[in-house]
Amino acid sequence: MKIAIAGTAPLWGVLLVLAACGHQKDADDEPRAKDGPAVEVEKDAPLNASQLQLMGINLEAVTVTTVQEQSQGQAQVMPHDVLAQLLADIAVAEAASSQSTAALKRVQNLAATPGALGADALEQAQRQSRVDAVQLQLTQRKLSAQFGTLPWRTGDSQLEALANGRNKLLQVLLPGVLPTGKAVSGLRFVALDATSADRGIRALQHWSAPVSGGSIGLSLYAVVEGSALAEGTHLVALVDVGKQVIALELPAAAVVVHEGESWCYVQSAPGQFQRRKVDTSHPLQQGYAVLAGFAAGEQVVTRGAGLLLSREFGQQAVEP
């Protein structure tokens, strides 16, 4: 059975009208720019000169620099009471030894006088002098056995600063980070959770320490100034190794923080910017040395990067 479709011409006319209406609706749905300066621009659209000026965007070029290679070890802030006790024991032993030595000299002088003192008095003074001298040596050896060969003599102000906690003593282990025979250079310490521009606390002094517990590597003691570090705190030890390498210097003002990571904006085309992650593990005086991810001469945003981040994510940026 055949079915005939009647009135095909009017049906095609209706379809044409509906198609035209649909086309008109799509055109009306497209965003239209409004007159005036408050034009809302899509996030991926280039910014024009007026918008860049309004946002205060400033650009600086990435330049070539050099950076010192570094390696990591571990460190712990030592309690000051152990050193204080040993230094006190030495002071007591020194006083006892000095007193017995002086007493022996007096007895020896009197022994030359006939009938003044018996031989037993001289022997007693000699024995006490030797005992006190041995006790002094023992306490000194205890100090060196635990803390190595100290760079100061007992009674020095530096040791007193450690004993009373004004300065801090750190035990450091550098597990195989130094070439054979190379001296430790640029020793400094940062917190375990340091993720950005922490330049570290410089060691005032360091010296070799006895290796204990089967540790493999270079064991040191180091002194840092001040008492802000809590005793028992674990830190990352940084030390310079190798030679300086070519790197690129990124201005510090270009870095913003988003979700715990450091980023910067690089101009990829006029009015367009690309967000890139920044490695901040090599801080410089005015910025950061980066070894990859950038090219010399690239323009980075040093003012207004926070606004670009807000524009991208709709939230406020945090500068490091």
Protein backbone atom coordinates (compact mmCIF):
# COMPACT_ATOMS: atom_id res chain seq x y z
CA MET A 1 0.00 0.00 0.00
CA LYS A 2 1.35 3.36 -0.99
CA ILE A 3 1.01 6.41 1.20
CA ALA A 4 0.85 9.70 -0.64
CA ILE A 5 2.15 12.86 1.05
CA ALA A 6 -0.04 15.75 0.16
CA GLY A 7 0.83 19.38 0.34
CA THR A 8 4.59 19.00 0.15
CA ALA A 9 5.16 22.59 -0.89
CA PRO A 10 3.65 24.13 2.29
CA LEU A 11 5.63 21.66 4.43
CA TRP A 12 8.93 22.73 2.90
CA GLY A 13 7.98 26.33 3.52
CA VAL A 14 7.44 25.66 7.22
CA LEU A 15 10.81 23.92 7.47
CA LEU A 16 12.57 26.85 5.83
CA VAL A 17 10.94 29.29 8.28
CA LEU A 18 11.97 27.15 11.27
CA ALA A 19 15.55 26.91 10.02
CA ALA A 20 15.73 30.66 9.59
CA CYS A 21 14.44 31.21 13.13
CA GLY A 22 16.98 28.76 14.53
CA HIS A 23 19.79 30.52 12.67
CA GLN A 24 18.65 33.87 14.00
CA LYS A 25 18.56 32.47 17.58
CA ASP A 26 22.15 31.21 17.33
CA ALA A 27 23.33 34.58 16.16
CA ASP A 28 21.53 36.31 19.03
CA ASP A 29 23.19 33.96 21.55
CA GLU A 30 26.72 35.11 20.62
CA PRO A 31 28.26 37.58 23.15
CA ARG A 32 28.33 41.17 22.01
CA ALA A 33 30.79 43.80 23.26
CA LYS A 34 29.20 46.71 25.03
CA ASP A 35 30.23 50.27 24.54
CA GLY A 36 32.60 51.87 27.07
CA PRO A 37 35.72 50.69 28.99
CA ALA A 38 33.92 47.96 31.00
CA VAL A 39 34.11 45.42 28.19
CA GLU A 40 34.24 41.90 29.57
CA VAL A 41 36.92 39.92 27.74
CA GLU A 42 37.05 36.14 27.72
CA LYS A 43 39.97 34.62 29.65
CA ASP A 44 41.68 33.32 26.51
CA ALA A 45 41.21 36.50 24.52
CA PRO A 46 44.24 38.79 24.10
CA LEU A 47 44.35 41.90 26.23
CA ASN A 48 44.51 45.18 24.38
CA ALA A 49 46.82 48.07 25.24
CA SER A 50 44.17 49.84 27.34
CA GLN A 51 43.49 46.74 29.39
CA LEU A 52 47.20 46.12 29.95
CA GLN A 53 47.61 49.68 31.14
CA LEU A 54 44.57 49.46 33.39
CA MET A 55 45.92 46.24 35.01
CA GLY A 56 49.35 47.80 35.43
CA ILE A 57 51.07 44.98 33.56
CA ASN A 58 54.85 45.39 33.51
CA LEU A 59 57.28 43.10 31.68
CA GLU A 60 60.94 42.25 32.24
CA ALA A 61 63.24 40.04 30.22
CA VAL A 62 64.70 36.77 31.49
CA THR A 63 68.49 37.19 31.59
CA VAL A 64 71.48 34.86 31.65
CA THR A 65 73.29 34.24 34.96
CA THR A 66 75.33 31.57 36.72
CA VAL A 67 74.37 29.37 39.64
CA GLN A 68 76.33 27.16 41.99
CA GLU A 69 75.37 23.50 41.98
CA GLN A 70 74.29 22.28 45.40
CA SER A 71 73.50 19.03 47.16
CA GLN A 72 71.42 18.17 50.20
CA GLY A 73 72.12 16.48 53.49
CA GLN A 74 70.38 16.45 56.84
CA ALA A 75 70.86 18.24 60.13
CA GLN A 76 69.44 18.32 63.63
CA VAL A 77 69.60 21.03 66.27
CA MET A 78 71.36 19.58 69.30
CA PRO A 79 70.29 20.20 72.93
CA HIS A 80 72.68 22.62 74.58
CA ASP A 81 72.59 21.00 78.03
CA VAL A 82 74.95 18.14 77.03
CA LEU A 83 77.65 20.53 75.89
CA ALA A 84 77.00 22.78 78.89
CA GLN A 85 77.48 19.85 81.29
CA LEU A 86 80.75 18.77 79.65
CA LEU A 87 82.09 22.32 79.72
CA ALA A 88 81.11 22.61 83.38
CA ASP A 89 82.87 19.32 84.15
CA ILE A 90 85.99 20.60 82.43
CA ALA A 91 85.86 23.86 84.39
CA VAL A 92 85.59 21.92 87.68
CA ALA A 93 88.42 19.58 86.68
CA GLU A 94 90.60 22.53 85.67
CA ALA A 95 89.99 24.23 89.01
CA ALA A 96 90.83 21.02 90.93
CA SER A 97 93.95 20.42 88.88
CA SER A 98 95.11 24.00 89.32
CA GLN A 99 94.57 23.84 93.08
CA SER A 100 96.39 20.52 93.52
CA THR A 101 99.28 21.74 91.36
CA ALA A 102 99.63 24.85 93.54
CA ALA A 103 99.44 22.73 96.72
CA LEU A 104 102.16 20.43 95.41
CA LYS A 105 104.46 23.39 94.78
CA ARG A 106 103.92 24.65 98.33
CA VAL A 107 104.67 21.23 99.80
CA GLN A 108 107.77 20.92 97.63
CA ASN A 109 109.01 24.29 98.86
CA LEU A 110 108.35 23.39 102.49
CA ALA A 111 109.91 19.95 102.06
CA ALA A 112 113.24 21.64 101.47
CA THR A 113 113.07 22.96 105.05
CA PRO A 114 114.44 20.36 107.51
CA GLY A 115 111.71 18.96 109.74
CA ALA A 116 108.90 21.06 108.24
CA LEU A 117 106.91 18.27 106.55
CA GLY A 118 107.18 14.53 106.41
CA ALA A 119 107.71 12.53 103.23
CA ASP A 120 104.13 11.28 103.32
CA ALA A 121 102.79 14.84 102.91
CA LEU A 122 104.82 15.29 99.75
CA GLU A 123 103.69 11.93 98.39
CA GLN A 124 100.06 12.79 99.11
CA ALA A 125 100.34 16.10 97.29
CA GLN A 126 102.02 14.44 94.31
CA ARG A 127 99.34 11.76 94.12
CA GLN A 128 96.48 14.30 94.28
CA SER A 129 98.09 16.42 91.59
CA ARG A 130 98.34 13.41 89.25
CA VAL A 131 94.76 12.30 89.97
CA ASP A 132 93.39 15.77 89.21
CA ALA A 133 95.46 16.01 86.03
CA VAL A 134 94.12 12.65 84.82
CA GLN A 135 90.56 13.68 85.66
CA LEU A 136 91.00 16.84 83.59
CA GLN A 137 92.29 14.84 80.64
CA LEU A 138 89.35 12.45 80.92
CA THR A 139 86.73 15.22 80.82
CA GLN A 140 88.51 16.85 77.87
CA ARG A 141 88.51 13.53 76.01
CA LYS A 142 84.80 13.10 76.69
CA LEU A 143 84.21 16.46 75.05
CA SER A 144 86.29 15.66 71.96
CA ALA A 145 84.84 12.12 71.70
CA GLN A 146 81.31 13.53 71.42
CA PHE A 147 81.89 16.85 69.69
CA GLY A 148 85.14 16.31 67.78
CA THR A 149 88.04 18.72 67.76
CA LEU A 150 86.44 22.02 68.65
CA PRO A 151 87.78 25.14 66.89
CA TRP A 152 87.88 27.02 70.22
CA ARG A 153 89.56 26.54 73.57
CA THR A 154 87.44 26.04 76.66
CA GLY A 155 86.39 29.36 78.10
CA ASP A 156 86.06 30.96 74.67
CA SER A 157 83.00 33.19 74.21
CA GLN A 158 81.80 31.10 71.26
CA LEU A 159 81.60 28.00 73.43
CA GLU A 160 79.84 29.97 76.13
CA ALA A 161 77.25 31.10 73.56
CA LEU A 162 76.58 27.46 72.69
CA ALA A 163 76.47 26.34 76.32
CA ASN A 164 73.84 28.90 77.30
CA GLY A 165 71.78 28.53 74.09
CA ARG A 166 72.47 31.93 72.53
CA ASN A 167 73.80 30.10 69.47
CA LYS A 168 72.78 26.65 68.27
CA LEU A 169 74.85 23.58 67.55
CA LEU A 170 73.73 21.40 64.63
CA GLN A 171 74.79 17.85 63.85
CA VAL A 172 75.11 17.49 60.09
CA LEU A 173 75.35 14.46 57.80
CA LEU A 174 76.25 14.91 54.15
CA PRO A 175 75.83 11.44 52.63
CA GLY A 176 78.30 11.29 49.77
CA VAL A 177 77.52 14.71 48.31
CA LEU A 178 81.08 16.00 48.09
CA PRO A 179 83.86 15.00 45.73
CA THR A 180 86.83 13.36 47.42
CA GLY A 181 89.07 15.91 49.08
CA LYS A 182 86.74 18.86 48.46
CA ALA A 183 86.16 21.22 51.38
CA VAL A 184 82.64 22.03 52.51
CA SER A 185 81.52 25.34 51.02
CA GLY A 186 78.41 27.44 51.52
CA LEU A 187 76.92 25.27 54.28
CA ARG A 188 73.41 26.47 55.16
CA PHE A 189 70.16 25.08 56.52
CA VAL A 190 66.48 25.34 55.56
CA ALA A 191 63.29 23.90 57.02
CA LEU A 192 62.04 20.53 55.79
CA ASP A 193 58.92 22.12 54.28
CA ALA A 194 60.73 25.01 52.59
CA THR A 195 59.27 25.27 49.08
CA SER A 196 60.10 28.75 47.84
CA ALA A 197 62.46 31.59 48.54
CA ASP A 198 64.04 30.35 51.74
CA ARG A 199 67.71 31.31 51.44
CA GLY A 200 68.65 29.30 54.52
CA ILE A 201 70.60 30.01 57.69
CA ARG A 202 74.34 30.22 57.09
CA ALA A 203 76.71 28.27 59.29
CA LEU A 204 79.07 30.51 61.28
CA GLN A 205 81.55 27.69 61.80
CA HIS A 206 81.77 23.97 61.08
CA TRP A 207 84.19 21.15 61.86
CA SER A 208 84.47 17.39 61.51
CA ALA A 209 82.49 15.27 63.95
CA PRO A 210 82.78 11.60 64.88
CA VAL A 211 80.58 9.37 62.71
CA SER A 212 78.25 7.22 64.81
CA GLY A 213 75.64 4.58 64.10
CA GLY A 214 77.28 3.31 60.93
CA SER A 215 76.40 6.49 59.00
CA ILE A 216 77.95 6.71 55.56
CA GLY A 217 79.04 10.17 54.49
CA LEU A 218 80.64 13.27 55.91
CA SER A 219 79.69 14.05 59.50
CA LEU A 220 80.00 17.62 60.76
CA TYR A 221 79.08 19.92 63.59
CA ALA A 222 78.02 23.43 62.67
CA VAL A 223 77.14 26.57 64.61
CA VAL A 224 74.38 28.99 63.62
CA GLU A 225 73.74 32.36 65.18
CA GLY A 226 70.73 33.02 67.38
CA SER A 227 68.36 30.84 69.36
CA ALA A 228 65.23 30.90 67.16
CA LEU A 229 65.63 27.25 66.16
CA ALA A 230 64.01 24.78 68.55
CA GLU A 231 66.28 22.06 69.87
CA GLY A 232 65.59 18.72 68.23
CA THR A 233 64.41 20.34 64.99
CA HIS A 234 65.36 18.50 61.80
CA LEU A 235 66.56 20.61 58.87
CA VAL A 236 67.82 20.19 55.33
CA ALA A 237 71.54 20.92 54.98
CA LEU A 238 72.60 22.53 51.70
CA VAL A 239 76.19 22.61 50.49
CA ASP A 240 77.78 23.92 47.30
CA VAL A 241 79.37 21.29 45.08
CA GLY A 242 80.90 21.15 41.65
CA LYS A 243 81.27 24.32 39.64
CA GLN A 244 79.03 27.15 38.58
CA VAL A 245 76.68 26.44 35.68
CA ILE A 246 74.91 28.72 33.22
CA ALA A 247 71.30 29.47 34.19
CA LEU A 248 68.59 32.07 33.63
CA GLU A 249 67.62 34.70 36.17
CA LEU A 250 63.92 35.18 36.78
CA PRO A 251 62.97 38.38 38.66
CA ALA A 252 61.52 37.72 42.12
CA ALA A 253 58.62 40.07 41.41
CA ALA A 254 57.44 37.74 38.63
CA VAL A 255 56.66 34.85 40.99
CA VAL A 256 53.18 34.22 42.40
CA VAL A 257 51.92 31.27 44.42
CA HIS A 258 48.86 29.24 43.52
CA GLU A 259 47.82 26.07 45.36
CA GLY A 260 51.21 25.77 47.04
CA GLU A 261 53.20 26.02 43.79
CA SER A 262 55.27 28.89 42.40
CA TRP A 263 54.32 30.25 38.96
CA CYS A 264 54.97 33.18 36.66
CA TYR A 265 53.33 34.55 33.52
CA VAL A 266 55.30 34.69 30.26
CA GLN A 267 54.15 36.81 27.35
CA SER A 268 53.53 34.36 24.51
CA ALA A 269 52.11 36.97 22.11
CA PRO A 270 51.08 40.62 22.40
CA GLY A 271 48.39 40.71 25.08
CA GLN A 272 48.56 36.95 25.70
CA PHE A 273 50.29 35.22 28.62
CA GLN A 274 51.22 31.68 29.50
CA ARG A 275 51.47 30.49 33.10
CA ARG A 276 54.59 28.42 33.87
CA LYS A 277 55.84 26.67 36.99
CA VAL A 278 58.97 28.14 38.60
CA ASP A 279 61.68 26.20 40.42
CA THR A 280 62.63 28.41 43.38
CA SER A 281 65.33 26.12 44.80
CA HIS A 282 68.12 28.43 43.58
CA PRO A 283 67.35 31.88 45.04
CA LEU A 284 69.47 34.85 44.00
CA GLN A 285 69.73 38.33 45.49
CA GLN A 286 67.10 39.76 43.13
CA GLY A 287 65.28 36.66 41.92
CA TYR A 288 65.71 32.99 41.11
CA ALA A 289 68.08 31.03 38.91
CA VAL A 290 66.18 28.54 36.75
CA LEU A 291 67.85 25.75 34.82
CA ALA A 292 64.95 24.76 32.53
CA GLY A 293 61.56 25.87 31.28
CA PHE A 294 62.52 29.37 30.10
CA ALA A 295 64.55 31.01 27.35
CA ALA A 296 66.79 34.06 27.52
CA GLY A 297 64.98 37.20 26.43
CA GLU A 298 61.47 35.96 27.19
CA GLN A 299 59.26 38.62 28.75
CA VAL A 300 57.76 37.79 32.15
CA VAL A 301 55.15 39.77 34.07
CA THR A 302 56.71 41.49 37.09
CA ARG A 303 53.71 43.64 37.98
CA GLY A 304 50.13 42.55 37.62
CA ALA A 305 50.79 38.81 37.73
CA GLY A 306 48.35 38.50 40.62
CA LEU A 307 45.62 40.07 38.49
CA LEU A 308 46.33 37.65 35.68
CA LEU A 309 46.04 34.76 38.11
CA SER A 310 42.75 36.17 39.43
CA ARG A 311 41.54 36.56 35.85
CA GLU A 312 42.43 32.95 35.09
CA PHE A 313 41.00 31.33 38.23
CA GLY A 314 38.72 33.99 39.65
CA GLN A 315 40.64 34.24 42.92
CA GLN A 316 43.32 36.35 44.53
CA ALA A 317 46.98 35.42 44.04
CA VAL A 318 49.45 35.08 46.86
CA GLU A 319 52.93 36.51 46.36
CA PRO A 320 55.87 34.64 48.02
